[in-house]
Amino acid sequence: MSDNKHITHPEDAKRIDVNDPFEVRNWTSALGCTEAQLKQAVAAVGTYASKVREYLGKS
């Protein structure tokens, strides 16, 4: 992820960085889930957004 916090999209839109609060906010909004659900999904299936969407039933 870029150090420029004015950029509101992830640098790599295929992966989710749950350690970056800006990405967590953007992904929870995009996926319609809570932070806890997002982190649980990433822990279960990894950081690829496509796998997380599938896990959350958002495909």
PDB file of N, CA and C in Angstrom:
ATOM      1  N   MET A   1       0.852  -1.176   0.000  1.00  0.00           N
ATOM      2  CA  MET A   1       0.000   0.000   0.000  1.00  0.00           C
ATOM      3  C   MET A   1       0.890   1.229   0.000  1.00  0.00           C
ATOM      4  N   SER A   2       0.457   2.211  -0.684  1.00  0.00           N
ATOM      5  CA  SER A   2       1.184   3.465  -0.773  1.00  0.00           C
ATOM      6  C   SER A   2       1.193   4.184   0.577  1.00  0.00           C
ATOM      7  N   ASP A   3       2.240   4.949   0.829  1.00  0.00           N
ATOM      8  CA  ASP A   3       2.288   5.761   2.039  1.00  0.00           C
ATOM      9  C   ASP A   3       1.428   7.012   1.905  1.00  0.00           C
ATOM     10  N   ASN A   4       0.981   7.317   0.707  1.00  0.00           N
ATOM     11  CA  ASN A   4       0.128   8.477   0.471  1.00  0.00           C
ATOM     12  C   ASN A   4      -1.301   8.120   0.859  1.00  0.00           C
ATOM     13  N   LYS A   5      -1.763   8.622   1.986  1.00  0.00           N
ATOM     14  CA  LYS A   5      -3.084   8.268   2.505  1.00  0.00           C
ATOM     15  C   LYS A   5      -4.219   8.976   1.757  1.00  0.00           C
ATOM     16  N   HIS A   6      -3.883   9.807   0.783  1.00  0.00           N
ATOM     17  CA  HIS A   6      -4.902  10.436  -0.049  1.00  0.00           C
ATOM     18  C   HIS A   6      -5.374   9.489  -1.152  1.00  0.00           C
ATOM     19  N   ILE A   7      -4.621   8.429  -1.378  1.00  0.00           N
ATOM     20  CA  ILE A   7      -5.025   7.409  -2.342  1.00  0.00           C
ATOM     21  C   ILE A   7      -5.981   6.479  -1.607  1.00  0.00           C
ATOM     22  N   THR A   8      -7.225   6.387  -2.091  1.00  0.00           N
ATOM     23  CA  THR A   8      -8.243   5.664  -1.335  1.00  0.00           C
ATOM     24  C   THR A   8      -8.507   4.258  -1.841  1.00  0.00           C
ATOM     25  N   HIS A   9      -7.705   3.784  -2.762  1.00  0.00           N
ATOM     26  CA  HIS A   9      -7.863   2.416  -3.239  1.00  0.00           C
ATOM     27  C   HIS A   9      -6.566   1.660  -2.976  1.00  0.00           C
ATOM     28  N   PRO A  10      -6.662   0.355  -2.808  1.00  0.00           N
ATOM     29  CA  PRO A  10      -5.443  -0.411  -2.537  1.00  0.00           C
ATOM     30  C   PRO A  10      -4.522  -0.415  -3.746  1.00  0.00           C
ATOM     31  N   GLU A  11      -3.232  -0.454  -3.484  1.00  0.00           N
ATOM     32  CA  GLU A  11      -2.262  -0.505  -4.563  1.00  0.00           C
ATOM     33  C   GLU A  11      -2.407  -1.805  -5.339  1.00  0.00           C
ATOM     34  N   ASP A  12      -2.679  -2.875  -4.637  1.00  0.00           N
ATOM     35  CA  ASP A  12      -2.911  -4.176  -5.267  1.00  0.00           C
ATOM     36  C   ASP A  12      -4.340  -4.578  -4.928  1.00  0.00           C
ATOM     37  N   ALA A  13      -5.261  -4.329  -5.823  1.00  0.00           N
ATOM     38  CA  ALA A  13      -6.679  -4.559  -5.558  1.00  0.00           C
ATOM     39  C   ALA A  13      -7.037  -6.040  -5.503  1.00  0.00           C
ATOM     40  N   LYS A  14      -6.076  -6.902  -5.736  1.00  0.00           N
ATOM     41  CA  LYS A  14      -6.337  -8.344  -5.673  1.00  0.00           C
ATOM     42  C   LYS A  14      -6.081  -8.905  -4.281  1.00  0.00           C
ATOM     43  N   ARG A  15      -5.421  -8.135  -3.429  1.00  0.00           N
ATOM     44  CA  ARG A  15      -5.055  -8.617  -2.097  1.00  0.00           C
ATOM     45  C   ARG A  15      -5.563  -7.660  -1.023  1.00  0.00           C
ATOM     46  N   ILE A  16      -5.791  -8.194   0.157  1.00  0.00           N
ATOM     47  CA  ILE A  16      -6.307  -7.415   1.280  1.00  0.00           C
ATOM     48  C   ILE A  16      -5.267  -7.393   2.391  1.00  0.00           C
ATOM     49  N   ASP A  17      -4.904  -6.199   2.835  1.00  0.00           N
ATOM     50  CA  ASP A  17      -3.960  -6.032   3.937  1.00  0.00           C
ATOM     51  C   ASP A  17      -4.752  -5.642   5.183  1.00  0.00           C
ATOM     52  N   VAL A  18      -5.004  -6.611   6.061  1.00  0.00           N
ATOM     53  CA  VAL A  18      -5.809  -6.337   7.262  1.00  0.00           C
ATOM     54  C   VAL A  18      -5.036  -5.553   8.317  1.00  0.00           C
ATOM     55  N   ASN A  19      -3.755  -5.292   8.076  1.00  0.00           N
ATOM     56  CA  ASN A  19      -2.952  -4.504   9.007  1.00  0.00           C
ATOM     57  C   ASN A  19      -2.948  -3.024   8.654  1.00  0.00           C
ATOM     58  N   ASP A  20      -3.586  -2.670   7.554  1.00  0.00           N
ATOM     59  CA  ASP A  20      -3.667  -1.272   7.126  1.00  0.00           C
ATOM     60  C   ASP A  20      -5.088  -0.773   7.378  1.00  0.00           C
ATOM     61  N   PRO A  21      -5.272   0.134   8.329  1.00  0.00           N
ATOM     62  CA  PRO A  21      -6.621   0.593   8.680  1.00  0.00           C
ATOM     63  C   PRO A  21      -7.386   1.198   7.506  1.00  0.00           C
ATOM     64  N   PHE A  22      -6.686   1.837   6.586  1.00  0.00           N
ATOM     65  CA  PHE A  22      -7.351   2.424   5.423  1.00  0.00           C
ATOM     66  C   PHE A  22      -7.898   1.334   4.501  1.00  0.00           C
ATOM     67  N   GLU A  23      -7.112   0.287   4.287  1.00  0.00           N
ATOM     68  CA  GLU A  23      -7.589  -0.827   3.467  1.00  0.00           C
ATOM     69  C   GLU A  23      -8.736  -1.555   4.151  1.00  0.00           C
ATOM     70  N   VAL A  24      -8.632  -1.751   5.460  1.00  0.00           N
ATOM     71  CA  VAL A  24      -9.716  -2.419   6.195  1.00  0.00           C
ATOM     72  C   VAL A  24     -11.009  -1.635   6.036  1.00  0.00           C
ATOM     73  N   ARG A  25     -10.947  -0.328   6.193  1.00  0.00           N
ATOM     74  CA  ARG A  25     -12.138   0.506   6.031  1.00  0.00           C
ATOM     75  C   ARG A  25     -12.710   0.378   4.624  1.00  0.00           C
ATOM     76  N   ASN A  26     -11.851   0.440   3.633  1.00  0.00           N
ATOM     77  CA  ASN A  26     -12.310   0.361   2.246  1.00  0.00           C
ATOM     78  C   ASN A  26     -12.875  -1.015   1.913  1.00  0.00           C
ATOM     79  N   TRP A  27     -12.205  -2.067   2.353  1.00  0.00           N
ATOM     80  CA  TRP A  27     -12.683  -3.420   2.050  1.00  0.00           C
ATOM     81  C   TRP A  27     -13.977  -3.744   2.789  1.00  0.00           C
ATOM     82  N   THR A  28     -14.115  -3.322   4.047  1.00  0.00           N
ATOM     83  CA  THR A  28     -15.364  -3.609   4.759  1.00  0.00           C
ATOM     84  C   THR A  28     -16.526  -2.892   4.098  1.00  0.00           C
ATOM     85  N   SER A  29     -16.270  -1.688   3.609  1.00  0.00           N
ATOM     86  CA  SER A  29     -17.308  -0.950   2.896  1.00  0.00           C
ATOM     87  C   SER A  29     -17.652  -1.638   1.575  1.00  0.00           C
ATOM     88  N   ALA A  30     -16.648  -2.021   0.830  1.00  0.00           N
ATOM     89  CA  ALA A  30     -16.857  -2.649  -0.475  1.00  0.00           C
ATOM     90  C   ALA A  30     -17.539  -4.014  -0.361  1.00  0.00           C
ATOM     91  N   LEU A  31     -17.207  -4.747   0.697  1.00  0.00           N
ATOM     92  CA  LEU A  31     -17.744  -6.103   0.852  1.00  0.00           C
ATOM     93  C   LEU A  31     -18.989  -6.153   1.732  1.00  0.00           C
ATOM     94  N   GLY A  32     -19.318  -5.045   2.372  1.00  0.00           N
ATOM     95  CA  GLY A  32     -20.499  -5.017   3.231  1.00  0.00           C
ATOM     96  C   GLY A  32     -20.379  -5.946   4.421  1.00  0.00           C
ATOM     97  N   CYS A  33     -19.204  -5.923   5.060  1.00  0.00           N
ATOM     98  CA  CYS A  33     -18.977  -6.783   6.216  1.00  0.00           C
ATOM     99  C   CYS A  33     -18.326  -5.972   7.331  1.00  0.00           C
ATOM    100  N   THR A  34     -18.210  -6.566   8.493  1.00  0.00           N
ATOM    101  CA  THR A  34     -17.545  -5.908   9.615  1.00  0.00           C
ATOM    102  C   THR A  34     -16.046  -6.174   9.544  1.00  0.00           C
ATOM    103  N   GLU A  35     -15.297  -5.435  10.320  1.00  0.00           N
ATOM    104  CA  GLU A  35     -13.851  -5.658  10.395  1.00  0.00           C
ATOM    105  C   GLU A  35     -13.561  -7.073  10.896  1.00  0.00           C
ATOM    106  N   ALA A  36     -14.310  -7.520  11.889  1.00  0.00           N
ATOM    107  CA  ALA A  36     -14.107  -8.869  12.427  1.00  0.00           C
ATOM    108  C   ALA A  36     -14.384  -9.931  11.363  1.00  0.00           C
ATOM    109  N   GLN A  37     -15.444  -9.746  10.577  1.00  0.00           N
ATOM    110  CA  GLN A  37     -15.762 -10.702   9.513  1.00  0.00           C
ATOM    111  C   GLN A  37     -14.665 -10.712   8.453  1.00  0.00           C
ATOM    112  N   LEU A  38     -14.155  -9.538   8.104  1.00  0.00           N
ATOM    113  CA  LEU A  38     -13.089  -9.445   7.114  1.00  0.00           C
ATOM    114  C   LEU A  38     -11.843 -10.173   7.605  1.00  0.00           C
ATOM    115  N   LYS A  39     -11.451  -9.918   8.845  1.00  0.00           N
ATOM    116  CA  LYS A  39     -10.253 -10.557   9.395  1.00  0.00           C
ATOM    117  C   LYS A  39     -10.434 -12.059   9.520  1.00  0.00           C
ATOM    118  N   GLN A  40     -11.630 -12.501   9.873  1.00  0.00           N
ATOM    119  CA  GLN A  40     -11.910 -13.932   9.960  1.00  0.00           C
ATOM    120  C   GLN A  40     -11.795 -14.573   8.576  1.00  0.00           C
ATOM    121  N   ALA A  41     -12.328 -13.907   7.568  1.00  0.00           N
ATOM    122  CA  ALA A  41     -12.272 -14.422   6.197  1.00  0.00           C
ATOM    123  C   ALA A  41     -10.830 -14.512   5.714  1.00  0.00           C
ATOM    124  N   VAL A  42     -10.035 -13.475   5.971  1.00  0.00           N
ATOM    125  CA  VAL A  42      -8.632 -13.480   5.558  1.00  0.00           C
ATOM    126  C   VAL A  42      -7.870 -14.587   6.283  1.00  0.00           C
ATOM    127  N   ALA A  43      -8.160 -14.779   7.563  1.00  0.00           N
ATOM    128  CA  ALA A  43      -7.506 -15.851   8.315  1.00  0.00           C
ATOM    129  C   ALA A  43      -7.877 -17.223   7.757  1.00  0.00           C
ATOM    130  N   ALA A  44      -9.107 -17.354   7.280  1.00  0.00           N
ATOM    131  CA  ALA A  44      -9.586 -18.649   6.781  1.00  0.00           C
ATOM    132  C   ALA A  44      -9.095 -18.972   5.372  1.00  0.00           C
ATOM    133  N   VAL A  45      -9.072 -17.962   4.480  1.00  0.00           N
ATOM    134  CA  VAL A  45      -8.787 -18.260   3.071  1.00  0.00           C
ATOM    135  C   VAL A  45      -7.600 -17.506   2.489  1.00  0.00           C
ATOM    136  N   GLY A  46      -6.984 -16.612   3.244  1.00  0.00           N
ATOM    137  CA  GLY A  46      -5.841 -15.862   2.728  1.00  0.00           C
ATOM    138  C   GLY A  46      -6.221 -14.458   2.309  1.00  0.00           C
ATOM    139  N   THR A  47      -5.270 -13.775   1.706  1.00  0.00           N
ATOM    140  CA  THR A  47      -5.428 -12.351   1.422  1.00  0.00           C
ATOM    141  C   THR A  47      -5.983 -12.021   0.044  1.00  0.00           C
ATOM    142  N   TYR A  48      -6.200 -13.014  -0.799  1.00  0.00           N
ATOM    143  CA  TYR A  48      -6.736 -12.718  -2.132  1.00  0.00           C
ATOM    144  C   TYR A  48      -8.205 -12.307  -2.029  1.00  0.00           C
ATOM    145  N   ALA A  49      -8.514 -11.140  -2.588  1.00  0.00           N
ATOM    146  CA  ALA A  49      -9.862 -10.582  -2.508  1.00  0.00           C
ATOM    147  C   ALA A  49     -10.904 -11.529  -3.088  1.00  0.00           C
ATOM    148  N   SER A  50     -10.578 -12.211  -4.161  1.00  0.00           N
ATOM    149  CA  SER A  50     -11.547 -13.122  -4.784  1.00  0.00           C
ATOM    150  C   SER A  50     -11.920 -14.258  -3.833  1.00  0.00           C
ATOM    151  N   LYS A  51     -10.959 -14.773  -3.099  1.00  0.00           N
ATOM    152  CA  LYS A  51     -11.220 -15.850  -2.134  1.00  0.00           C
ATOM    153  C   LYS A  51     -12.037 -15.326  -0.955  1.00  0.00           C
ATOM    154  N   VAL A  52     -11.724 -14.109  -0.509  1.00  0.00           N
ATOM    155  CA  VAL A  52     -12.460 -13.503   0.606  1.00  0.00           C
ATOM    156  C   VAL A  52     -13.905 -13.243   0.195  1.00  0.00           C
ATOM    157  N   ARG A  53     -14.097 -12.722  -1.016  1.00  0.00           N
ATOM    158  CA  ARG A  53     -15.476 -12.498  -1.519  1.00  0.00           C
ATOM    159  C   ARG A  53     -16.254 -13.807  -1.529  1.00  0.00           C
ATOM    160  N   GLU A  54     -15.630 -14.849  -2.035  1.00  0.00           N
ATOM    161  CA  GLU A  54     -16.275 -16.162  -2.113  1.00  0.00           C
ATOM    162  C   GLU A  54     -16.620 -16.655  -0.714  1.00  0.00           C
ATOM    163  N   TYR A  55     -15.693 -16.537   0.214  1.00  0.00           N
ATOM    164  CA  TYR A  55     -15.899 -16.975   1.599  1.00  0.00           C
ATOM    165  C   TYR A  55     -17.070 -16.239   2.234  1.00  0.00           C
ATOM    166  N   LEU A  56     -17.149 -14.933   1.961  1.00  0.00           N
ATOM    167  CA  LEU A  56     -18.229 -14.117   2.533  1.00  0.00           C
ATOM    168  C   LEU A  56     -19.529 -14.217   1.755  1.00  0.00           C
ATOM    169  N   GLY A  57     -19.500 -14.937   0.645  1.00  0.00           N
ATOM    170  CA  GLY A  57     -20.701 -15.075  -0.174  1.00  0.00           C
ATOM    171  C   GLY A  57     -21.022 -13.819  -0.946  1.00  0.00           C
ATOM    172  N   LYS A  58     -19.993 -13.050  -1.325  1.00  0.00           N
ATOM    173  CA  LYS A  58     -20.178 -11.768  -2.016  1.00  0.00           C
ATOM    174  C   LYS A  58     -19.742 -11.836  -3.476  1.00  0.00           C
ATOM    175  N   SER A  59     -19.661 -13.022  -4.046  1.00  0.00           N
ATOM    176  CA  SER A  59     -19.162 -13.124  -5.425  1.00  0.00           C
ATOM    177  C   SER A  59     -20.161 -12.801  -6.469  1.00  0.00           C
TER     178      SER A  59
END
